[in-house]
Amino acid sequence: MVHTTQQKNELRINKLKPNGPAAKAGLHGIRLTRKQVRQGRYILEYQTSDYEHADEIVSIDGKKINSDSLF
């Protein structure tokens, strides 16, 4: 894993190392999507984050998460 965010009692995976152990185990980070909107003759493109796609870690080896210091 490259980056996580501390939530209440869990860690949300933001970004994974491509082909790293977590990615190979099937974990997912935040999905970035690009959207385009046409306004008249202009096309606006912006990026959004899909937090629902990210996995959340609540325990490791049966121990509940209360900080990211376990990594």
C-alpha atoms as a PDB file:
ATOM      1  CA  MET A   1       0.000   0.000   0.000  1.00  0.00           C
ATOM      2  CA  VAL A   2       1.187   3.463  -0.759  1.00  0.00           C
ATOM      3  CA  HIS A   3      -1.282   5.700   1.055  1.00  0.00           C
ATOM      4  CA  THR A   4      -4.069   5.239   3.609  1.00  0.00           C
ATOM      5  CA  THR A   5      -6.428   7.615   5.415  1.00  0.00           C
ATOM      6  CA  GLN A   6      -7.292   7.215   9.097  1.00  0.00           C
ATOM      7  CA  GLN A   7     -11.043   6.967   9.648  1.00  0.00           C
ATOM      8  CA  LYS A   8     -12.833   6.403  12.971  1.00  0.00           C
ATOM      9  CA  ASN A   9     -11.781   2.804  13.656  1.00  0.00           C
ATOM     10  CA  GLU A  10     -10.479   1.839  10.252  1.00  0.00           C
ATOM     11  CA  LEU A  11      -8.005   2.678   7.524  1.00  0.00           C
ATOM     12  CA  ARG A  12      -9.256   3.497   4.033  1.00  0.00           C
ATOM     13  CA  ILE A  13      -6.908   2.500   1.248  1.00  0.00           C
ATOM     14  CA  ASN A  14      -6.326   5.505  -0.985  1.00  0.00           C
ATOM     15  CA  LYS A  15      -3.627   4.276  -3.341  1.00  0.00           C
ATOM     16  CA  LEU A  16      -1.955   0.930  -3.960  1.00  0.00           C
ATOM     17  CA  LYS A  17       1.381   0.084  -5.481  1.00  0.00           C
ATOM     18  CA  PRO A  18       0.693  -1.507  -8.898  1.00  0.00           C
ATOM     19  CA  ASN A  19       1.328  -5.262  -8.743  1.00  0.00           C
ATOM     20  CA  GLY A  20       2.221  -4.950  -5.034  1.00  0.00           C
ATOM     21  CA  PRO A  21       1.163  -7.522  -2.436  1.00  0.00           C
ATOM     22  CA  ALA A  22      -2.053  -5.682  -1.494  1.00  0.00           C
ATOM     23  CA  ALA A  23      -3.105  -5.328  -5.141  1.00  0.00           C
ATOM     24  CA  LYS A  24      -2.350  -8.997  -5.769  1.00  0.00           C
ATOM     25  CA  ALA A  25      -4.468  -9.883  -2.719  1.00  0.00           C
ATOM     26  CA  GLY A  26      -7.422  -8.129  -4.373  1.00  0.00           C
ATOM     27  CA  LEU A  27      -7.574  -4.933  -2.313  1.00  0.00           C
ATOM     28  CA  HIS A  28      -8.720  -1.712  -4.009  1.00  0.00           C
ATOM     29  CA  GLY A  29      -7.968   1.955  -3.490  1.00  0.00           C
ATOM     30  CA  ILE A  30      -9.993   5.034  -4.386  1.00  0.00           C
ATOM     31  CA  ARG A  31     -11.117   5.003  -8.019  1.00  0.00           C
ATOM     32  CA  LEU A  32     -10.445   8.207  -9.957  1.00  0.00           C
ATOM     33  CA  THR A  33     -12.884   8.969 -12.751  1.00  0.00           C
ATOM     34  CA  ARG A  34     -12.834  11.664 -15.397  1.00  0.00           C
ATOM     35  CA  LYS A  35     -15.995  13.326 -16.556  1.00  0.00           C
ATOM     36  CA  GLN A  36     -16.643  15.605 -19.485  1.00  0.00           C
ATOM     37  CA  VAL A  37     -19.396  18.185 -19.666  1.00  0.00           C
ATOM     38  CA  ARG A  38     -20.197  20.166 -22.790  1.00  0.00           C
ATOM     39  CA  GLN A  39     -21.117  23.814 -22.299  1.00  0.00           C
ATOM     40  CA  GLY A  40     -21.869  25.383 -25.640  1.00  0.00           C
ATOM     41  CA  ARG A  41     -18.780  24.962 -27.752  1.00  0.00           C
ATOM     42  CA  TYR A  42     -16.568  24.196 -24.750  1.00  0.00           C
ATOM     43  CA  ILE A  43     -15.876  20.802 -23.192  1.00  0.00           C
ATOM     44  CA  LEU A  44     -15.032  20.868 -19.511  1.00  0.00           C
ATOM     45  CA  GLU A  45     -13.162  17.894 -18.099  1.00  0.00           C
ATOM     46  CA  TYR A  46     -12.781  17.204 -14.392  1.00  0.00           C
ATOM     47  CA  GLN A  47     -11.692  14.377 -12.157  1.00  0.00           C
ATOM     48  CA  THR A  48     -13.677  12.952  -9.242  1.00  0.00           C
ATOM     49  CA  SER A  49     -12.825  10.420  -6.530  1.00  0.00           C
ATOM     50  CA  ASP A  50     -15.035   7.398  -5.889  1.00  0.00           C
ATOM     51  CA  TYR A  51     -14.509   6.605  -2.188  1.00  0.00           C
ATOM     52  CA  GLU A  52     -17.086   3.791  -2.247  1.00  0.00           C
ATOM     53  CA  HIS A  53     -14.689   1.721  -4.366  1.00  0.00           C
ATOM     54  CA  ALA A  54     -11.902   1.791  -1.735  1.00  0.00           C
ATOM     55  CA  ASP A  55     -11.466  -1.063   0.719  1.00  0.00           C
ATOM     56  CA  GLU A  56     -11.323  -0.356   4.447  1.00  0.00           C
ATOM     57  CA  ILE A  57      -9.124  -2.231   6.914  1.00  0.00           C
ATOM     58  CA  VAL A  58     -10.739  -2.744  10.339  1.00  0.00           C
ATOM     59  CA  SER A  59      -8.339  -5.286  11.883  1.00  0.00           C
ATOM     60  CA  ILE A  60      -5.033  -7.025  11.269  1.00  0.00           C
ATOM     61  CA  ASP A  61      -4.463 -10.505  12.700  1.00  0.00           C
ATOM     62  CA  GLY A  62      -7.519 -10.011  14.919  1.00  0.00           C
ATOM     63  CA  LYS A  63      -6.279  -6.703  16.384  1.00  0.00           C
ATOM     64  CA  LYS A  64      -8.598  -3.746  15.835  1.00  0.00           C
ATOM     65  CA  ILE A  65      -7.186  -0.720  14.040  1.00  0.00           C
ATOM     66  CA  ASN A  66      -6.894   2.493  16.036  1.00  0.00           C
ATOM     67  CA  SER A  67      -4.033   4.148  14.133  1.00  0.00           C
ATOM     68  CA  ASP A  68      -1.961   3.705  11.000  1.00  0.00           C
ATOM     69  CA  SER A  69       1.172   3.029  13.099  1.00  0.00           C
ATOM     70  CA  LEU A  70       0.786  -0.724  12.436  1.00  0.00           C
ATOM     71  CA  PHE A  71       2.159  -0.096   8.953  1.00  0.00           C
END
